[in-house]
Each structure stands twice: as structure tokens, then as C-alpha cells.
C-alpha atoms as a PDB file:
ATOM      1  CA  MET A   1     107.942  67.873  32.757  1.00  0.00           C
ATOM      2  CA  PHE A   2     106.180  64.831  34.126  1.00  0.00           C
ATOM      3  CA  THR A   3     102.819  66.138  32.962  1.00  0.00           C
ATOM      4  CA  ARG A   4     104.169  66.718  29.450  1.00  0.00           C
ATOM      5  CA  LEU A   5     105.433  63.123  29.248  1.00  0.00           C
ATOM      6  CA  ILE A   6     102.007  61.845  30.312  1.00  0.00           C
ATOM      7  CA  MET A   7     100.320  63.848  27.580  1.00  0.00           C
ATOM      8  CA  ILE A   8     102.733  62.598  24.912  1.00  0.00           C
ATOM      9  CA  ALA A   9     102.231  59.018  26.059  1.00  0.00           C
ATOM     10  CA  GLY A  10      98.497  59.489  25.868  1.00  0.00           C
ATOM     11  CA  LEU A  11      98.730  60.760  22.313  1.00  0.00           C
ATOM     12  CA  VAL A  12     100.875  57.795  21.355  1.00  0.00           C
ATOM     13  CA  VAL A  13      98.358  55.388  22.843  1.00  0.00           C
ATOM     14  CA  VAL A  14      95.515  57.075  20.958  1.00  0.00           C
ATOM     15  CA  ALA A  15      97.496  56.914  17.750  1.00  0.00           C
ATOM     16  CA  GLY A  16      98.216  53.231  18.302  1.00  0.00           C
ATOM     17  CA  ILE A  17      94.544  52.499  18.900  1.00  0.00           C
ATOM     18  CA  LEU A  18      93.574  54.315  15.751  1.00  0.00           C
ATOM     19  CA  ALA A  19      96.225  52.432  13.748  1.00  0.00           C
ATOM     20  CA  ILE A  20      95.024  49.106  15.012  1.00  0.00           C
ATOM     21  CA  GLY A  21      91.478  50.011  14.087  1.00  0.00           C
ATOM     22  CA  ALA A  22      92.574  50.949  10.605  1.00  0.00           C
ATOM     23  CA  LEU A  23      94.392  47.632  10.169  1.00  0.00           C
ATOM     24  CA  VAL A  24      91.334  45.723  11.294  1.00  0.00           C
ATOM     25  CA  SER A  25      89.068  47.563   8.876  1.00  0.00           C
ATOM     26  CA  GLY A  26      91.325  46.749   5.920  1.00  0.00           C
ATOM     27  CA  GLU A  27      94.708  47.207   4.465  1.00  0.00           C
ATOM     28  CA  ASP A  28      93.399  48.692   1.241  1.00  0.00           C
ATOM     29  CA  GLU A  29      92.888  52.089   2.923  1.00  0.00           C
ATOM     30  CA  PRO A  30      96.376  53.113   3.852  1.00  0.00           C
ATOM     31  CA  SER A  31      95.504  56.771   3.686  1.00  0.00           C
ATOM     32  CA  THR A  32      93.024  56.389   6.521  1.00  0.00           C
ATOM     33  CA  LEU A  33      95.791  55.870   9.053  1.00  0.00           C
ATOM     34  CA  GLU A  34      97.576  58.958   7.974  1.00  0.00           C
ATOM     35  CA  THR A  35      94.444  61.037   8.185  1.00  0.00           C
ATOM     36  CA  ALA A  36      93.542  59.583  11.560  1.00  0.00           C
ATOM     37  CA  LEU A  37      96.823  60.579  13.092  1.00  0.00           C
ATOM     38  CA  PRO A  38      96.904  64.105  14.309  1.00  0.00           C
ATOM     39  CA  PRO A  39      99.278  66.336  12.428  1.00  0.00           C
ATOM     40  CA  GLU A  40     102.605  67.166  13.948  1.00  0.00           C
ATOM     41  CA  THR A  41     101.546  70.785  14.285  1.00  0.00           C
ATOM     42  CA  ALA A  42      98.682  69.682  16.509  1.00  0.00           C
ATOM     43  CA  ILE A  43     101.077  67.739  18.707  1.00  0.00           C
ATOM     44  CA  ASP A  44     103.435  70.665  18.904  1.00  0.00           C
ATOM     45  CA  GLU A  45     100.507  72.968  19.619  1.00  0.00           C
ATOM     46  CA  ALA A  46      99.286  70.639  22.329  1.00  0.00           C
ATOM     47  CA  GLN A  47     102.737  70.608  23.780  1.00  0.00           C
ATOM     48  CA  THR A  48     103.082  74.348  23.578  1.00  0.00           C
ATOM     49  CA  THR A  49      99.617  75.017  24.975  1.00  0.00           C
ATOM     50  CA  GLU A  50     100.297  72.922  28.038  1.00  0.00           C
ATOM     51  CA  PRO A  51      99.376  75.015  30.976  1.00  0.00           C
ATOM     52  CA  GLU A  52     102.346  76.078  32.864  1.00  0.00           C
ATOM     53  CA  ALA A  53     102.462  75.019  36.431  1.00  0.00           C
ATOM     54  CA  ARG A  54     101.652  77.929  38.615  1.00  0.00           C
ATOM     55  CA  ILE A  55     103.967  78.557  41.456  1.00  0.00           C
ATOM     56  CA  VAL A  56     101.900  79.699  44.319  1.00  0.00           C
ATOM     57  CA  THR A  57     103.955  81.552  46.792  1.00  0.00           C
ATOM     58  CA  ALA A  58     102.346  82.060  50.106  1.00  0.00           C
ATOM     59  CA  ALA A  59     102.610  85.679  50.989  1.00  0.00           C
ATOM     60  CA  ALA A  60     104.222  86.105  54.306  1.00  0.00           C
ATOM     61  CA  GLU A  61     101.723  87.306  56.822  1.00  0.00           C
ATOM     62  CA  PRO A  62     102.710  90.712  57.971  1.00  0.00           C
ATOM     63  CA  THR A  63     103.909  90.611  61.491  1.00  0.00           C
ATOM     64  CA  ARG A  64     102.043  92.829  63.837  1.00  0.00           C
ATOM     65  CA  GLU A  65     104.295  95.065  65.701  1.00  0.00           C
ATOM     66  CA  ALA A  66     103.433  95.287  69.307  1.00  0.00           C
ATOM     67  CA  PRO A  67     102.403  98.811  70.189  1.00  0.00           C
ATOM     68  CA  ARG A  68     105.131 100.665  71.897  1.00  0.00           C
ATOM     69  CA  ALA A  69     104.414 101.846  75.326  1.00  0.00           C
ATOM     70  CA  THR A  70     104.104 105.576  75.302  1.00  0.00           C
ATOM     71  CA  GLN A  71     106.064 107.183  77.989  1.00  0.00           C
ATOM     72  CA  ALA A  72     103.891 109.237  80.292  1.00  0.00           C
ATOM     73  CA  PRO A  73     104.967 112.840  80.649  1.00  0.00           C
ATOM     74  CA  PRO A  74     106.701 113.617  83.894  1.00  0.00           C
ATOM     75  CA  PRO A  75     104.291 114.828  86.587  1.00  0.00           C
ATOM     76  CA  THR A  76     103.968 118.551  86.802  1.00  0.00           C
ATOM     77  CA  PRO A  77     105.247 119.685  90.179  1.00  0.00           C
ATOM     78  CA  THR A  78     102.502 121.321  92.188  1.00  0.00           C
ATOM     79  CA  PRO A  79     103.408 124.603  93.820  1.00  0.00           C
ATOM     80  CA  PRO A  80     103.734 124.381  97.573  1.00  0.00           C
ATOM     81  CA  ALA A  81     100.631 125.428  99.427  1.00  0.00           C
ATOM     82  CA  THR A  82     100.933 128.876 100.829  1.00  0.00           C
ATOM     83  CA  GLN A  83     100.900 128.696 104.555  1.00  0.00           C
ATOM     84  CA  ARG A  84      98.437 131.021 106.126  1.00  0.00           C
ATOM     85  CA  PRO A  85      99.797 133.078 108.930  1.00  0.00           C
ATOM     86  CA  SER A  86      98.672 131.543 112.140  1.00  0.00           C
ATOM     87  CA  ARG A  87      96.651 133.679 114.421  1.00  0.00           C
ATOM     88  CA  ARG A  88      98.696 134.580 117.368  1.00  0.00           C
ATOM     89  CA  SER A  89      97.204 133.737 120.658  1.00  0.00           C
ATOM     90  CA  PRO A  90      96.669 136.713 122.901  1.00  0.00           C
ATOM     91  CA  THR A  91      99.607 137.687 125.013  1.00  0.00           C
ATOM     92  CA  PRO A  92      99.541 136.613 128.652  1.00  0.00           C
ATOM     93  CA  ALA A  93      98.974 140.225 129.710  1.00  0.00           C
ATOM     94  CA  ALA A  94      95.971 140.596 127.399  1.00  0.00           C
ATOM     95  CA  ALA A  95      94.597 137.233 128.509  1.00  0.00           C
ATOM     96  CA  GLU A  96      94.969 138.247 132.133  1.00  0.00           C
ATOM     97  CA  SER A  97      93.236 141.576 131.549  1.00  0.00           C
ATOM     98  CA  THR A  98      90.389 139.804 129.709  1.00  0.00           C
ATOM     99  CA  ALA A  99      90.019 137.292 132.516  1.00  0.00           C
ATOM    100  CA  ALA A 100      90.129 140.076 135.069  1.00  0.00           C
ATOM    101  CA  ALA A 101      87.422 142.009 133.210  1.00  0.00           C
ATOM    102  CA  ALA A 102      85.258 138.891 133.052  1.00  0.00           C
ATOM    103  CA  ALA A 103      85.828 138.240 136.767  1.00  0.00           C
ATOM    104  CA  GLN A 104      85.193 141.857 137.799  1.00  0.00           C
ATOM    105  CA  ALA A 105      81.921 142.520 139.561  1.00  0.00           C
ATOM    106  CA  ASP A 106      79.472 145.091 138.247  1.00  0.00           C
ATOM    107  CA  PHE A 107      78.084 147.411 140.937  1.00  0.00           C
ATOM    108  CA  THR A 108      75.993 149.484 138.519  1.00  0.00           C
ATOM    109  CA  GLY A 109      72.372 149.734 139.677  1.00  0.00           C
ATOM    110  CA  LEU A 110      70.043 150.669 142.526  1.00  0.00           C
ATOM    111  CA  TRP A 111      71.133 149.172 145.864  1.00  0.00           C
ATOM    112  CA  ARG A 112      69.904 149.075 149.433  1.00  0.00           C
ATOM    113  CA  ILE A 113      72.657 149.163 152.061  1.00  0.00           C
ATOM    114  CA  LEU A 114      71.849 147.955 155.584  1.00  0.00           C
ATOM    115  CA  ASP A 115      74.394 148.919 158.275  1.00  0.00           C
ATOM    116  CA  THR A 116      74.408 147.292 161.709  1.00  0.00           C
ATOM    117  CA  VAL A 117      76.489 149.221 164.258  1.00  0.00           C
ATOM    118  CA  THR A 118      78.607 146.975 166.432  1.00  0.00           C
ATOM    119  CA  GLN A 119      81.011 149.591 167.846  1.00  0.00           C
ATOM    120  CA  GLY A 120      80.698 153.265 168.801  1.00  0.00           C
ATOM    121  CA  VAL A 121      77.771 155.598 168.586  1.00  0.00           C
ATOM    122  CA  GLY A 122      74.494 153.766 168.030  1.00  0.00           C
ATOM    123  CA  ALA A 123      75.857 150.308 168.798  1.00  0.00           C
ATOM    124  CA  GLY A 124      73.193 147.641 168.292  1.00  0.00           C
ATOM    125  CA  GLU A 125      71.184 149.767 165.894  1.00  0.00           C
ATOM    126  CA  SER A 126      70.706 149.242 162.164  1.00  0.00           C
ATOM    127  CA  PHE A 127      70.357 151.897 159.479  1.00  0.00           C
ATOM    128  CA  ALA A 128      69.213 151.355 155.877  1.00  0.00           C
ATOM    129  CA  PHE A 129      69.564 153.711 152.922  1.00  0.00           C
ATOM    130  CA  ASP A 130      69.223 153.387 149.141  1.00  0.00           C
ATOM    131  CA  VAL A 131      71.889 154.552 146.707  1.00  0.00           C
ATOM    132  CA  VAL A 132      72.389 154.513 142.936  1.00  0.00           C
ATOM    133  CA  LEU A 133      75.849 153.450 141.757  1.00  0.00           C
ATOM    134  CA  GLN A 134      77.496 153.773 138.351  1.00  0.00           C
ATOM    135  CA  GLN A 135      80.573 151.753 137.443  1.00  0.00           C
ATOM    136  CA  THR A 136      82.978 152.613 134.619  1.00  0.00           C
ATOM    137  CA  GLY A 137      85.757 150.062 134.421  1.00  0.00           C
ATOM    138  CA  GLY A 138      86.991 149.826 137.990  1.00  0.00           C
ATOM    139  CA  LEU A 139      85.694 153.214 139.065  1.00  0.00           C
ATOM    140  CA  VAL A 140      82.444 153.500 141.057  1.00  0.00           C
ATOM    141  CA  THR A 141      80.518 156.692 141.794  1.00  0.00           C
ATOM    142  CA  GLY A 142      77.005 157.492 143.023  1.00  0.00           C
ATOM    143  CA  GLY A 143      74.906 158.075 146.148  1.00  0.00           C
ATOM    144  CA  ASN A 144      71.643 159.886 146.811  1.00  0.00           C
ATOM    145  CA  ASP A 145      70.486 163.381 147.728  1.00  0.00           C
ATOM    146  CA  GLY A 146      72.490 163.619 150.961  1.00  0.00           C
ATOM    147  CA  ILE A 147      75.169 160.939 150.453  1.00  0.00           C
ATOM    148  CA  GLN A 148      78.137 160.868 148.098  1.00  0.00           C
ATOM    149  CA  ILE A 149      79.895 157.573 147.331  1.00  0.00           C
ATOM    150  CA  SER A 150      83.033 156.943 145.290  1.00  0.00           C
ATOM    151  CA  GLY A 151      85.564 154.167 145.115  1.00  0.00           C
ATOM    152  CA  ARG A 152      87.121 151.361 143.106  1.00  0.00           C
ATOM    153  CA  VAL A 153      86.377 147.712 142.310  1.00  0.00           C
ATOM    154  CA  ASP A 154      88.949 144.921 142.515  1.00  0.00           C
ATOM    155  CA  GLY A 155      87.485 141.653 141.270  1.00  0.00           C
ATOM    156  CA  GLN A 156      84.288 141.109 143.244  1.00  0.00           C
ATOM    157  CA  THR A 157      85.125 143.546 146.028  1.00  0.00           C
ATOM    158  CA  ALA A 158      84.498 147.295 146.069  1.00  0.00           C
ATOM    159  CA  THR A 159      86.180 149.708 148.465  1.00  0.00           C
ATOM    160  CA  LEU A 160      83.913 152.774 148.773  1.00  0.00           C
ATOM    161  CA  THR A 161      84.150 156.097 150.574  1.00  0.00           C
ATOM    162  CA  TYR A 162      80.914 157.381 152.164  1.00  0.00           C
ATOM    163  CA  ARG A 163      80.301 161.088 152.880  1.00  0.00           C
ATOM    164  CA  GLN A 164      77.243 162.631 154.515  1.00  0.00           C
ATOM    165  CA  ALA A 165      77.978 166.343 154.512  1.00  0.00           C
ATOM    166  CA  GLU A 166      74.937 167.504 156.586  1.00  0.00           C
ATOM    167  CA  LEU A 167      75.896 165.339 159.571  1.00  0.00           C
ATOM    168  CA  GLY A 168      79.624 165.516 158.969  1.00  0.00           C
ATOM    169  CA  TYR A 169      79.946 161.758 158.696  1.00  0.00           C
ATOM    170  CA  THR A 170      82.506 159.911 156.587  1.00  0.00           C
ATOM    171  CA  ALA A 171      82.926 156.181 156.323  1.00  0.00           C
ATOM    172  CA  THR A 172      84.710 153.479 154.368  1.00  0.00           C
ATOM    173  CA  PHE A 173      82.841 150.418 153.105  1.00  0.00           C
ATOM    174  CA  THR A 174      84.367 147.133 151.950  1.00  0.00           C
ATOM    175  CA  LEU A 175      81.676 145.175 150.128  1.00  0.00           C
ATOM    176  CA  THR A 176      82.013 141.876 148.234  1.00  0.00           C
ATOM    177  CA  LEU A 177      79.359 141.103 145.616  1.00  0.00           C
ATOM    178  CA  VAL A 178      77.854 137.592 145.370  1.00  0.00           C
ATOM    179  CA  ASP A 179      76.014 136.435 142.192  1.00  0.00           C
ATOM    180  CA  GLY A 180      75.590 140.083 141.170  1.00  0.00           C
ATOM    181  CA  MET A 181      72.504 140.402 143.373  1.00  0.00           C
ATOM    182  CA  TRP A 182      73.712 140.813 146.900  1.00  0.00           C
ATOM    183  CA  GLY A 183      76.861 141.169 148.926  1.00  0.00           C
ATOM    184  CA  GLY A 184      78.238 141.896 152.336  1.00  0.00           C
ATOM    185  CA  GLY A 185      81.149 143.358 154.212  1.00  0.00           C
ATOM    186  CA  THR A 186      82.100 145.882 156.845  1.00  0.00           C
ATOM    187  CA  PHE A 187      82.108 149.631 157.401  1.00  0.00           C
ATOM    188  CA  ARG A 188      84.072 151.982 159.594  1.00  0.00           C
ATOM    189  CA  SER A 189      83.197 155.656 160.156  1.00  0.00           C
ATOM    190  CA  SER A 190      84.587 158.456 162.230  1.00  0.00           C
ATOM    191  CA  VAL A 191      82.139 157.643 165.113  1.00  0.00           C
ATOM    192  CA  ASN A 192      81.290 153.946 164.806  1.00  0.00           C
ATOM    193  CA  ALA A 193      81.849 150.627 162.930  1.00  0.00           C
ATOM    194  CA  GLY A 194      79.905 147.535 162.058  1.00  0.00           C
ATOM    195  CA  THR A 195      78.709 145.181 159.334  1.00  0.00           C
ATOM    196  CA  SER A 196      76.941 145.969 156.054  1.00  0.00           C
ATOM    197  CA  THR A 197      74.795 144.020 153.616  1.00  0.00           C
ATOM    198  CA  LEU A 198      74.072 145.005 150.051  1.00  0.00           C
ATOM    199  CA  HIS A 199      70.884 144.084 148.126  1.00  0.00           C
ATOM    200  CA  ARG A 200      70.182 144.946 144.481  1.00  0.00           C
ATOM    201  CA  LEU A 201      66.857 146.622 143.895  1.00  0.00           C
ATOM    202  CA  GLN A 202      67.339 147.269 140.188  1.00  0.00           C
END
């Protein structure tokens, strides 16, 4: 509205200036004033062609929606680890038998036995003879051409029976092995007794 009033006032001022110029140039040209004035249609057209004021509306800036936190899926339960059956420790009896086997002496081999008579027939004399012994578990057997030996082993000690059929001798030896290479003990026969030493030859 204010802009329209300014335009009308401007037209009026222009018209007044033109009228004054016409009066100055002479009164005998009355038609000049009329022709100088713009027609009413031009005024109306100027009024109608006034540019309408544009209403600029600021578009509201779209609000950004904060991303929603996605809920993590619940953890998948892991199956319990299968427990492996524990290896049972050997029973005390088995452990004892294993220890006994490890501690048992081995009399298998070629041996030289030296007997020293301390009592009975041949006291003070020494006799040596070689024998071959075989041991299976706790059982010992062996001898030579004229001697037969048999007996059992308990730990490191062997209790052996000696038989010499040609002379009619029998004896019992108790020999304890040391380091698997030699040993010692005693003997007792039907006619004498004494000490014995044992030496591995093979």
C-alpha cells in the first residue's frame, strides 16, 4: 500500500511539472497540457501492474532425527565345554607292582660264583665255578653241566638251591645283587658253610 501511494504521488508531481511547463510556454496551447498528462488508463494500468510484494517464507529446516541406537541381539549362549574323562591314576596295587618290578634285580647272564668255606669240610678253602642263569619274572633257573640251580628273586636278593648230583651235594645260596654287576652273600650245604661272591661275566 505504501509503495502504491509513492507511485501515485510521483505521477502527480510529474503531472504538475508538465503543467507548469505548459503554462510557462504559453496559455494559447491549452491542448498541450491535456496531451502531456498521461491518460487515466495508463495510471490505472500502472497501478494494476504494480508488482505484488512477494512474501518469502523461510522453509523450516528439516530437523535431523538422531539415529536410534540399535539394540544388539542377545549373546548366543555357548554350549558348555565337554569335560574329558580324566585319566585315572594307577591303583596303589598296580603302582606297587610297577615299583617292585623296577626295583627287582635281574640275574640273567653268565656269572662266576666264588665260595669260601668257613665251616665244615674244606674250611679255609675257596671254590669257583661259572653258571648261566635265566630269570623270568621272579623265577631263576640255570647252572652248568654238573650243577643245577633254581630259585626265586625278591627285590635285589635271590634265594637259590644248588645241586651237584655226581658228588651228592646240595646247598642254599642267598645272594644280593649290587649295581647289576656283582653281589655277595652266604651259602650253606649239607657238609659245610661259608661266604659267596657273585661276579657278572656277561
